[in-house]
Amino acid sequence: MIGVVAKLKIADGKNAEFEEIGKDLMAKVKANESGTLTYQLYQSKSDPQTYVFMEQYSGQDALKAHGQTDYFKAAGAKMGAVLAGRPDIEYFDIVE
């Protein structure tokens, strides 16, 4: 299994717009990707402009398939307009 944490900094005044994009993406991922085991957006309690997507995939193929979906690509383009910098994305191996 593969874990991903994508940390995003949102531009001032763009939180609501970002959250709508994030909620729509989460719904599509959860409805269409059986290999995506967890895909959840969280907002920081200490910095309301910071969000993370916590993701878990059954394997490399599921992670690759996620990144190739039309809805992921469309959401990425929309998110670009509300971000206050580049996302910080880390990949993890599951410890079992």
PDB file of N, CA and C in Angstrom:
ATOM      1  N   MET A   1       0.836  -1.185   0.000  1.00  0.00           N
ATOM      2  CA  MET A   1       0.000   0.000   0.000  1.00  0.00           C
ATOM      3  C   MET A   1       0.875   1.241   0.000  1.00  0.00           C
ATOM      4  N   ILE A   2       0.327   2.306  -0.538  1.00  0.00           N
ATOM      5  CA  ILE A   2       1.040   3.583  -0.638  1.00  0.00           C
ATOM      6  C   ILE A   2       0.211   4.665   0.039  1.00  0.00           C
ATOM      7  N   GLY A   3       0.866   5.470   0.858  1.00  0.00           N
ATOM      8  CA  GLY A   3       0.226   6.619   1.470  1.00  0.00           C
ATOM      9  C   GLY A   3       0.738   7.893   0.826  1.00  0.00           C
ATOM     10  N   VAL A   4      -0.133   8.874   0.717  1.00  0.00           N
ATOM     11  CA  VAL A   4       0.239  10.171   0.164  1.00  0.00           C
ATOM     12  C   VAL A   4      -0.330  11.251   1.069  1.00  0.00           C
ATOM     13  N   VAL A   5       0.500  12.258   1.354  1.00  0.00           N
ATOM     14  CA  VAL A   5       0.034  13.451   2.050  1.00  0.00           C
ATOM     15  C   VAL A   5       0.367  14.632   1.153  1.00  0.00           C
ATOM     16  N   ALA A   6      -0.668  15.315   0.697  1.00  0.00           N
ATOM     17  CA  ALA A   6      -0.505  16.488  -0.155  1.00  0.00           C
ATOM     18  C   ALA A   6      -0.900  17.720   0.648  1.00  0.00           C
ATOM     19  N   LYS A   7       0.081  18.556   0.964  1.00  0.00           N
ATOM     20  CA  LYS A   7      -0.148  19.762   1.759  1.00  0.00           C
ATOM     21  C   LYS A   7      -0.294  20.952   0.814  1.00  0.00           C
ATOM     22  N   LEU A   8      -1.391  21.701   1.003  1.00  0.00           N
ATOM     23  CA  LEU A   8      -1.700  22.818   0.115  1.00  0.00           C
ATOM     24  C   LEU A   8      -1.920  24.090   0.910  1.00  0.00           C
ATOM     25  N   LYS A   9      -1.332  25.152   0.470  1.00  0.00           N
ATOM     26  CA  LYS A   9      -1.507  26.477   1.071  1.00  0.00           C
ATOM     27  C   LYS A   9      -2.448  27.248   0.143  1.00  0.00           C
ATOM     28  N   ILE A  10      -3.538  27.786   0.713  1.00  0.00           N
ATOM     29  CA  ILE A  10      -4.578  28.432  -0.080  1.00  0.00           C
ATOM     30  C   ILE A  10      -4.457  29.952   0.043  1.00  0.00           C
ATOM     31  N   ALA A  11      -4.669  30.631  -1.074  1.00  0.00           N
ATOM     32  CA  ALA A  11      -4.614  32.095  -1.092  1.00  0.00           C
ATOM     33  C   ALA A  11      -5.726  32.670  -0.211  1.00  0.00           C
ATOM     34  N   ASP A  12      -5.440  33.818   0.402  1.00  0.00           N
ATOM     35  CA  ASP A  12      -6.444  34.493   1.238  1.00  0.00           C
ATOM     36  C   ASP A  12      -7.728  34.733   0.452  1.00  0.00           C
ATOM     37  N   GLY A  13      -8.850  34.445   1.100  1.00  0.00           N
ATOM     38  CA  GLY A  13     -10.153  34.671   0.487  1.00  0.00           C
ATOM     39  C   GLY A  13     -10.596  33.587  -0.474  1.00  0.00           C
ATOM     40  N   LYS A  14      -9.817  32.529  -0.624  1.00  0.00           N
ATOM     41  CA  LYS A  14     -10.125  31.471  -1.597  1.00  0.00           C
ATOM     42  C   LYS A  14     -10.518  30.152  -0.945  1.00  0.00           C
ATOM     43  N   ASN A  15     -10.677  30.136   0.395  1.00  0.00           N
ATOM     44  CA  ASN A  15     -10.971  28.884   1.093  1.00  0.00           C
ATOM     45  C   ASN A  15     -12.260  28.224   0.601  1.00  0.00           C
ATOM     46  N   ALA A  16     -13.327  28.977   0.509  1.00  0.00           N
ATOM     47  CA  ALA A  16     -14.611  28.397   0.116  1.00  0.00           C
ATOM     48  C   ALA A  16     -14.531  27.798  -1.285  1.00  0.00           C
ATOM     49  N   GLU A  17     -13.893  28.511  -2.189  1.00  0.00           N
ATOM     50  CA  GLU A  17     -13.744  28.014  -3.564  1.00  0.00           C
ATOM     51  C   GLU A  17     -12.912  26.725  -3.570  1.00  0.00           C
ATOM     52  N   PHE A  18     -11.806  26.724  -2.812  1.00  0.00           N
ATOM     53  CA  PHE A  18     -10.969  25.531  -2.728  1.00  0.00           C
ATOM     54  C   PHE A  18     -11.741  24.351  -2.147  1.00  0.00           C
ATOM     55  N   GLU A  19     -12.480  24.592  -1.074  1.00  0.00           N
ATOM     56  CA  GLU A  19     -13.218  23.499  -0.437  1.00  0.00           C
ATOM     57  C   GLU A  19     -14.254  22.899  -1.371  1.00  0.00           C
ATOM     58  N   GLU A  20     -14.899  23.707  -2.182  1.00  0.00           N
ATOM     59  CA  GLU A  20     -15.866  23.168  -3.147  1.00  0.00           C
ATOM     60  C   GLU A  20     -15.182  22.258  -4.158  1.00  0.00           C
ATOM     61  N   ILE A  21     -14.020  22.686  -4.644  1.00  0.00           N
ATOM     62  CA  ILE A  21     -13.254  21.864  -5.583  1.00  0.00           C
ATOM     63  C   ILE A  21     -12.843  20.566  -4.892  1.00  0.00           C
ATOM     64  N   GLY A  22     -12.350  20.669  -3.662  1.00  0.00           N
ATOM     65  CA  GLY A  22     -11.911  19.496  -2.913  1.00  0.00           C
ATOM     66  C   GLY A  22     -13.033  18.522  -2.628  1.00  0.00           C
ATOM     67  N   LYS A  23     -14.186  19.029  -2.233  1.00  0.00           N
ATOM     68  CA  LYS A  23     -15.335  18.159  -1.938  1.00  0.00           C
ATOM     69  C   LYS A  23     -15.804  17.421  -3.195  1.00  0.00           C
ATOM     70  N   ASP A  24     -15.839  18.134  -4.310  1.00  0.00           N
ATOM     71  CA  ASP A  24     -16.247  17.513  -5.573  1.00  0.00           C
ATOM     72  C   ASP A  24     -15.260  16.418  -5.968  1.00  0.00           C
ATOM     73  N   LEU A  25     -13.966  16.713  -5.826  1.00  0.00           N
ATOM     74  CA  LEU A  25     -12.951  15.712  -6.155  1.00  0.00           C
ATOM     75  C   LEU A  25     -13.063  14.495  -5.241  1.00  0.00           C
ATOM     76  N   MET A  26     -13.215  14.714  -3.936  1.00  0.00           N
ATOM     77  CA  MET A  26     -13.355  13.580  -3.006  1.00  0.00           C
ATOM     78  C   MET A  26     -14.530  12.689  -3.389  1.00  0.00           C
ATOM     79  N   ALA A  27     -15.652  13.290  -3.720  1.00  0.00           N
ATOM     80  CA  ALA A  27     -16.842  12.508  -4.080  1.00  0.00           C
ATOM     81  C   ALA A  27     -16.584  11.664  -5.321  1.00  0.00           C
ATOM     82  N   LYS A  28     -15.920  12.237  -6.315  1.00  0.00           N
ATOM     83  CA  LYS A  28     -15.640  11.492  -7.556  1.00  0.00           C
ATOM     84  C   LYS A  28     -14.638  10.376  -7.315  1.00  0.00           C
ATOM     85  N   VAL A  29     -13.623  10.642  -6.522  1.00  0.00           N
ATOM     86  CA  VAL A  29     -12.627   9.610  -6.209  1.00  0.00           C
ATOM     87  C   VAL A  29     -13.298   8.453  -5.474  1.00  0.00           C
ATOM     88  N   LYS A  30     -14.078   8.779  -4.445  1.00  0.00           N
ATOM     89  CA  LYS A  30     -14.723   7.740  -3.640  1.00  0.00           C
ATOM     90  C   LYS A  30     -15.725   6.921  -4.450  1.00  0.00           C
ATOM     91  N   ALA A  31     -16.364   7.528  -5.443  1.00  0.00           N
ATOM     92  CA  ALA A  31     -17.365   6.833  -6.253  1.00  0.00           C
ATOM     93  C   ALA A  31     -16.752   5.988  -7.367  1.00  0.00           C
ATOM     94  N   ASN A  32     -15.532   6.314  -7.789  1.00  0.00           N
ATOM     95  CA  ASN A  32     -15.000   5.696  -9.004  1.00  0.00           C
ATOM     96  C   ASN A  32     -13.698   4.925  -8.864  1.00  0.00           C
ATOM     97  N   GLU A  33     -13.021   5.018  -7.723  1.00  0.00           N
ATOM     98  CA  GLU A  33     -11.692   4.430  -7.618  1.00  0.00           C
ATOM     99  C   GLU A  33     -11.634   3.378  -6.506  1.00  0.00           C
ATOM    100  N   SER A  34     -11.837   2.144  -6.872  1.00  0.00           N
ATOM    101  CA  SER A  34     -11.822   1.082  -5.861  1.00  0.00           C
ATOM    102  C   SER A  34     -10.435   0.882  -5.261  1.00  0.00           C
ATOM    103  N   GLY A  35      -9.387   1.250  -5.981  1.00  0.00           N
ATOM    104  CA  GLY A  35      -8.029   1.109  -5.476  1.00  0.00           C
ATOM    105  C   GLY A  35      -7.585   2.247  -4.573  1.00  0.00           C
ATOM    106  N   THR A  36      -8.428   3.281  -4.463  1.00  0.00           N
ATOM    107  CA  THR A  36      -8.141   4.381  -3.542  1.00  0.00           C
ATOM    108  C   THR A  36      -8.895   4.082  -2.261  1.00  0.00           C
ATOM    109  N   LEU A  37      -8.150   3.731  -1.223  1.00  0.00           N
ATOM    110  CA  LEU A  37      -8.740   3.265   0.021  1.00  0.00           C
ATOM    111  C   LEU A  37      -9.138   4.411   0.943  1.00  0.00           C
ATOM    112  N   THR A  38      -8.393   5.515   0.896  1.00  0.00           N
ATOM    113  CA  THR A  38      -8.689   6.714   1.677  1.00  0.00           C
ATOM    114  C   THR A  38      -8.374   7.925   0.818  1.00  0.00           C
ATOM    115  N   TYR A  39      -9.270   8.895   0.820  1.00  0.00           N
ATOM    116  CA  TYR A  39      -9.032  10.152   0.107  1.00  0.00           C
ATOM    117  C   TYR A  39      -9.826  11.214   0.845  1.00  0.00           C
ATOM    118  N   GLN A  40      -9.162  11.899   1.772  1.00  0.00           N
ATOM    119  CA  GLN A  40      -9.866  12.827   2.650  1.00  0.00           C
ATOM    120  C   GLN A  40      -9.113  14.142   2.750  1.00  0.00           C
ATOM    121  N   LEU A  41      -9.854  15.233   2.738  1.00  0.00           N
ATOM    122  CA  LEU A  41      -9.300  16.579   2.866  1.00  0.00           C
ATOM    123  C   LEU A  41      -9.469  17.061   4.300  1.00  0.00           C
ATOM    124  N   TYR A  42      -8.398  17.648   4.848  1.00  0.00           N
ATOM    125  CA  TYR A  42      -8.409  18.205   6.199  1.00  0.00           C
ATOM    126  C   TYR A  42      -7.908  19.640   6.166  1.00  0.00           C
ATOM    127  N   GLN A  43      -8.453  20.482   7.054  1.00  0.00           N
ATOM    128  CA  GLN A  43      -7.998  21.863   7.215  1.00  0.00           C
ATOM    129  C   GLN A  43      -7.252  21.966   8.537  1.00  0.00           C
ATOM    130  N   SER A  44      -6.121  22.654   8.528  1.00  0.00           N
ATOM    131  CA  SER A  44      -5.319  22.832   9.731  1.00  0.00           C
ATOM    132  C   SER A  44      -6.071  23.642  10.777  1.00  0.00           C
ATOM    133  N   LYS A  45      -5.974  23.224  12.029  1.00  0.00           N
ATOM    134  CA  LYS A  45      -6.566  23.981  13.135  1.00  0.00           C
ATOM    135  C   LYS A  45      -5.732  25.216  13.479  1.00  0.00           C
ATOM    136  N   SER A  46      -4.427  25.164  13.229  1.00  0.00           N
ATOM    137  CA  SER A  46      -3.558  26.287  13.587  1.00  0.00           C
ATOM    138  C   SER A  46      -3.379  27.302  12.465  1.00  0.00           C
ATOM    139  N   ASP A  47      -3.629  26.893  11.221  1.00  0.00           N
ATOM    140  CA  ASP A  47      -3.502  27.798  10.078  1.00  0.00           C
ATOM    141  C   ASP A  47      -4.615  27.498   9.081  1.00  0.00           C
ATOM    142  N   PRO A  48      -5.679  28.287   9.087  1.00  0.00           N
ATOM    143  CA  PRO A  48      -6.831  27.982   8.232  1.00  0.00           C
ATOM    144  C   PRO A  48      -6.552  28.053   6.728  1.00  0.00           C
ATOM    145  N   GLN A  49      -5.385  28.532   6.337  1.00  0.00           N
ATOM    146  CA  GLN A  49      -5.033  28.569   4.909  1.00  0.00           C
ATOM    147  C   GLN A  49      -4.300  27.293   4.487  1.00  0.00           C
ATOM    148  N   THR A  50      -4.066  26.385   5.418  1.00  0.00           N
ATOM    149  CA  THR A  50      -3.346  25.147   5.116  1.00  0.00           C
ATOM    150  C   THR A  50      -4.301  23.956   5.172  1.00  0.00           C
ATOM    151  N   TYR A  51      -4.252  23.152   4.122  1.00  0.00           N
ATOM    152  CA  TYR A  51      -5.061  21.940   4.007  1.00  0.00           C
ATOM    153  C   TYR A  51      -4.147  20.779   3.642  1.00  0.00           C
ATOM    154  N   VAL A  52      -4.585  19.568   3.964  1.00  0.00           N
ATOM    155  CA  VAL A  52      -3.906  18.373   3.479  1.00  0.00           C
ATOM    156  C   VAL A  52      -4.933  17.376   2.952  1.00  0.00           C
ATOM    157  N   PHE A  53      -4.568  16.729   1.866  1.00  0.00           N
ATOM    158  CA  PHE A  53      -5.263  15.540   1.404  1.00  0.00           C
ATOM    159  C   PHE A  53      -4.474  14.367   1.956  1.00  0.00           C
ATOM    160  N   MET A  54      -5.127  13.488   2.715  1.00  0.00           N
ATOM    161  CA  MET A  54      -4.520  12.251   3.168  1.00  0.00           C
ATOM    162  C   MET A  54      -5.106  11.140   2.310  1.00  0.00           C
ATOM    163  N   GLU A  55      -4.202  10.407   1.670  1.00  0.00           N
ATOM    164  CA  GLU A  55      -4.612   9.434   0.666  1.00  0.00           C
ATOM    165  C   GLU A  55      -3.956   8.085   0.934  1.00  0.00           C
ATOM    166  N   GLN A  56      -4.667   7.017   0.601  1.00  0.00           N
ATOM    167  CA  GLN A  56      -4.113   5.677   0.707  1.00  0.00           C
ATOM    168  C   GLN A  56      -4.559   4.883  -0.510  1.00  0.00           C
ATOM    169  N   TYR A  57      -3.587   4.251  -1.151  1.00  0.00           N
ATOM    170  CA  TYR A  57      -3.835   3.494  -2.369  1.00  0.00           C
ATOM    171  C   TYR A  57      -3.430   2.040  -2.184  1.00  0.00           C
ATOM    172  N   SER A  58      -4.118   1.144  -2.874  1.00  0.00           N
ATOM    173  CA  SER A  58      -3.827  -0.288  -2.762  1.00  0.00           C
ATOM    174  C   SER A  58      -2.475  -0.634  -3.371  1.00  0.00           C
ATOM    175  N   GLY A  59      -1.966   0.209  -4.253  1.00  0.00           N
ATOM    176  CA  GLY A  59      -0.669  -0.038  -4.879  1.00  0.00           C
ATOM    177  C   GLY A  59      -0.346   1.031  -5.904  1.00  0.00           C
ATOM    178  N   GLN A  60       0.790   0.861  -6.571  1.00  0.00           N
ATOM    179  CA  GLN A  60       1.262   1.837  -7.550  1.00  0.00           C
ATOM    180  C   GLN A  60       0.278   2.013  -8.702  1.00  0.00           C
ATOM    181  N   ASP A  61      -0.338   0.927  -9.144  1.00  0.00           N
ATOM    182  CA  ASP A  61      -1.290   1.024 -10.263  1.00  0.00           C
ATOM    183  C   ASP A  61      -2.479   1.902  -9.903  1.00  0.00           C
ATOM    184  N   ALA A  62      -2.984   1.786  -8.685  1.00  0.00           N
ATOM    185  CA  ALA A  62      -4.120   2.602  -8.245  1.00  0.00           C
ATOM    186  C   ALA A  62      -3.720   4.074  -8.151  1.00  0.00           C
ATOM    187  N   LEU A  63      -2.518   4.341  -7.653  1.00  0.00           N
ATOM    188  CA  LEU A  63      -2.030   5.721  -7.572  1.00  0.00           C
ATOM    189  C   LEU A  63      -1.889   6.322  -8.969  1.00  0.00           C
ATOM    190  N   LYS A  64      -1.333   5.569  -9.874  1.00  0.00           N
ATOM    191  CA  LYS A  64      -1.164   6.039 -11.253  1.00  0.00           C
ATOM    192  C   LYS A  64      -2.521   6.291 -11.920  1.00  0.00           C
ATOM    193  N   ALA A  65      -3.455   5.373 -11.723  1.00  0.00           N
ATOM    194  CA  ALA A  65      -4.787   5.519 -12.316  1.00  0.00           C
ATOM    195  C   ALA A  65      -5.491   6.767 -11.789  1.00  0.00           C
ATOM    196  N   HIS A  66      -5.330   7.036 -10.497  1.00  0.00           N
ATOM    197  CA  HIS A  66      -5.935   8.236  -9.898  1.00  0.00           C
ATOM    198  C   HIS A  66      -5.453   9.487 -10.610  1.00  0.00           C
ATOM    199  N   GLY A  67      -4.157   9.597 -10.813  1.00  0.00           N
ATOM    200  CA  GLY A  67      -3.583  10.787 -11.435  1.00  0.00           C
ATOM    201  C   GLY A  67      -3.944  10.958 -12.893  1.00  0.00           C
ATOM    202  N   GLN A  68      -4.452   9.909 -13.521  1.00  0.00           N
ATOM    203  CA  GLN A  68      -4.800   9.979 -14.938  1.00  0.00           C
ATOM    204  C   GLN A  68      -6.279  10.229 -15.203  1.00  0.00           C
ATOM    205  N   THR A  69      -7.082  10.332 -14.168  1.00  0.00           N
ATOM    206  CA  THR A  69      -8.512  10.552 -14.384  1.00  0.00           C
ATOM    207  C   THR A  69      -8.769  11.972 -14.861  1.00  0.00           C
ATOM    208  N   ASP A  70      -9.789  12.121 -15.677  1.00  0.00           N
ATOM    209  CA  ASP A  70     -10.160  13.446 -16.187  1.00  0.00           C
ATOM    210  C   ASP A  70     -10.569  14.375 -15.054  1.00  0.00           C
ATOM    211  N   TYR A  71     -11.290  13.850 -14.055  1.00  0.00           N
ATOM    212  CA  TYR A  71     -11.750  14.714 -12.962  1.00  0.00           C
ATOM    213  C   TYR A  71     -10.601  15.178 -12.075  1.00  0.00           C
ATOM    214  N   PHE A  72      -9.549  14.351 -11.920  1.00  0.00           N
ATOM    215  CA  PHE A  72      -8.377  14.785 -11.143  1.00  0.00           C
ATOM    216  C   PHE A  72      -7.648  15.896 -11.893  1.00  0.00           C
ATOM    217  N   LYS A  73      -7.462  15.718 -13.193  1.00  0.00           N
ATOM    218  CA  LYS A  73      -6.787  16.742 -14.001  1.00  0.00           C
ATOM    219  C   LYS A  73      -7.575  18.046 -13.993  1.00  0.00           C
ATOM    220  N   ALA A  74      -8.901  17.968 -14.096  1.00  0.00           N
ATOM    221  CA  ALA A  74      -9.745  19.172 -14.081  1.00  0.00           C
ATOM    222  C   ALA A  74      -9.670  19.874 -12.730  1.00  0.00           C
ATOM    223  N   ALA A  75      -9.697  19.099 -11.642  1.00  0.00           N
ATOM    224  CA  ALA A  75      -9.606  19.689 -10.303  1.00  0.00           C
ATOM    225  C   ALA A  75      -8.253  20.356 -10.101  1.00  0.00           C
ATOM    226  N   GLY A  76      -7.197  19.728 -10.594  1.00  0.00           N
ATOM    227  CA  GLY A  76      -5.864  20.310 -10.476  1.00  0.00           C
ATOM    228  C   GLY A  76      -5.771  21.660 -11.153  1.00  0.00           C
ATOM    229  N   ALA A  77      -6.386  21.781 -12.324  1.00  0.00           N
ATOM    230  CA  ALA A  77      -6.385  23.060 -13.043  1.00  0.00           C
ATOM    231  C   ALA A  77      -7.153  24.122 -12.258  1.00  0.00           C
ATOM    232  N   LYS A  78      -8.276  23.743 -11.686  1.00  0.00           N
ATOM    233  CA  LYS A  78      -9.074  24.690 -10.892  1.00  0.00           C
ATOM    234  C   LYS A  78      -8.333  25.091  -9.615  1.00  0.00           C
ATOM    235  N   MET A  79      -7.673  24.129  -8.975  1.00  0.00           N
ATOM    236  CA  MET A  79      -6.959  24.415  -7.727  1.00  0.00           C
ATOM    237  C   MET A  79      -5.803  25.384  -7.954  1.00  0.00           C
ATOM    238  N   GLY A  80      -5.199  25.312  -9.119  1.00  0.00           N
ATOM    239  CA  GLY A  80      -4.082  26.197  -9.415  1.00  0.00           C
ATOM    240  C   GLY A  80      -4.432  27.658  -9.230  1.00  0.00           C
ATOM    241  N   ALA A  81      -5.688  28.003  -9.456  1.00  0.00           N
ATOM    242  CA  ALA A  81      -6.135  29.397  -9.349  1.00  0.00           C
ATOM    243  C   ALA A  81      -6.335  29.852  -7.906  1.00  0.00           C
ATOM    244  N   VAL A  82      -6.367  28.933  -6.952  1.00  0.00           N
ATOM    245  CA  VAL A  82      -6.629  29.305  -5.559  1.00  0.00           C
ATOM    246  C   VAL A  82      -5.457  29.005  -4.619  1.00  0.00           C
ATOM    247  N   LEU A  83      -4.417  28.394  -5.134  1.00  0.00           N
ATOM    248  CA  LEU A  83      -3.263  28.055  -4.308  1.00  0.00           C
ATOM    249  C   LEU A  83      -2.356  29.266  -4.096  1.00  0.00           C
ATOM    250  N   ALA A  84      -1.690  29.284  -2.952  1.00  0.00           N
ATOM    251  CA  ALA A  84      -0.736  30.349  -2.631  1.00  0.00           C
ATOM    252  C   ALA A  84       0.691  29.829  -2.758  1.00  0.00           C
ATOM    253  N   GLY A  85       0.916  28.859  -3.594  1.00  0.00           N
ATOM    254  CA  GLY A  85       2.231  28.262  -3.784  1.00  0.00           C
ATOM    255  C   GLY A  85       2.094  26.833  -4.269  1.00  0.00           C
ATOM    256  N   ARG A  86       3.218  26.214  -4.481  1.00  0.00           N
ATOM    257  CA  ARG A  86       3.219  24.826  -4.968  1.00  0.00           C
ATOM    258  C   ARG A  86       2.807  23.858  -3.858  1.00  0.00           C
ATOM    259  N   PRO A  87       2.064  22.814  -4.201  1.00  0.00           N
ATOM    260  CA  PRO A  87       1.737  21.796  -3.205  1.00  0.00           C
ATOM    261  C   PRO A  87       2.999  21.069  -2.743  1.00  0.00           C
ATOM    262  N   ASP A  88       2.987  20.609  -1.512  1.00  0.00           N
ATOM    263  CA  ASP A  88       4.067  19.794  -0.962  1.00  0.00           C
ATOM    264  C   ASP A  88       3.514  18.378  -0.858  1.00  0.00           C
ATOM    265  N   ILE A  89       4.017  17.474  -1.686  1.00  0.00           N
ATOM    266  CA  ILE A  89       3.471  16.117  -1.757  1.00  0.00           C
ATOM    267  C   ILE A  89       4.531  15.127  -1.303  1.00  0.00           C
ATOM    268  N   GLU A  90       4.157  14.295  -0.325  1.00  0.00           N
ATOM    269  CA  GLU A  90       5.043  13.248   0.188  1.00  0.00           C
ATOM    270  C   GLU A  90       4.392  11.893  -0.023  1.00  0.00           C
ATOM    271  N   TYR A  91       5.219  10.905  -0.368  1.00  0.00           N
ATOM    272  CA  TYR A  91       4.773   9.539  -0.577  1.00  0.00           C
ATOM    273  C   TYR A  91       5.341   8.658   0.523  1.00  0.00           C
ATOM    274  N   PHE A  92       4.521   7.715   0.985  1.00  0.00           N
ATOM    275  CA  PHE A  92       4.895   6.866   2.114  1.00  0.00           C
ATOM    276  C   PHE A  92       4.606   5.405   1.812  1.00  0.00           C
ATOM    277  N   ASP A  93       5.434   4.537   2.374  1.00  0.00           N
ATOM    278  CA  ASP A  93       5.135   3.109   2.384  1.00  0.00           C
ATOM    279  C   ASP A  93       4.400   2.800   3.684  1.00  0.00           C
ATOM    280  N   ILE A  94       3.413   1.955   3.615  1.00  0.00           N
ATOM    281  CA  ILE A  94       2.647   1.550   4.787  1.00  0.00           C
ATOM    282  C   ILE A  94       3.494   0.620   5.651  1.00  0.00           C
ATOM    283  N   VAL A  95       3.504   0.866   6.936  1.00  0.00           N
ATOM    284  CA  VAL A  95       4.205  -0.003   7.880  1.00  0.00           C
ATOM    285  C   VAL A  95       3.161  -0.918   8.515  1.00  0.00           C
ATOM    286  N   GLU A  96       3.329  -2.213   8.302  1.00  0.00           N
ATOM    287  CA  GLU A  96       2.359  -3.179   8.833  1.00  0.00           C
ATOM    288  C   GLU A  96       3.046  -4.185   9.724  1.00  0.00           C
TER     289      GLU A  96
END
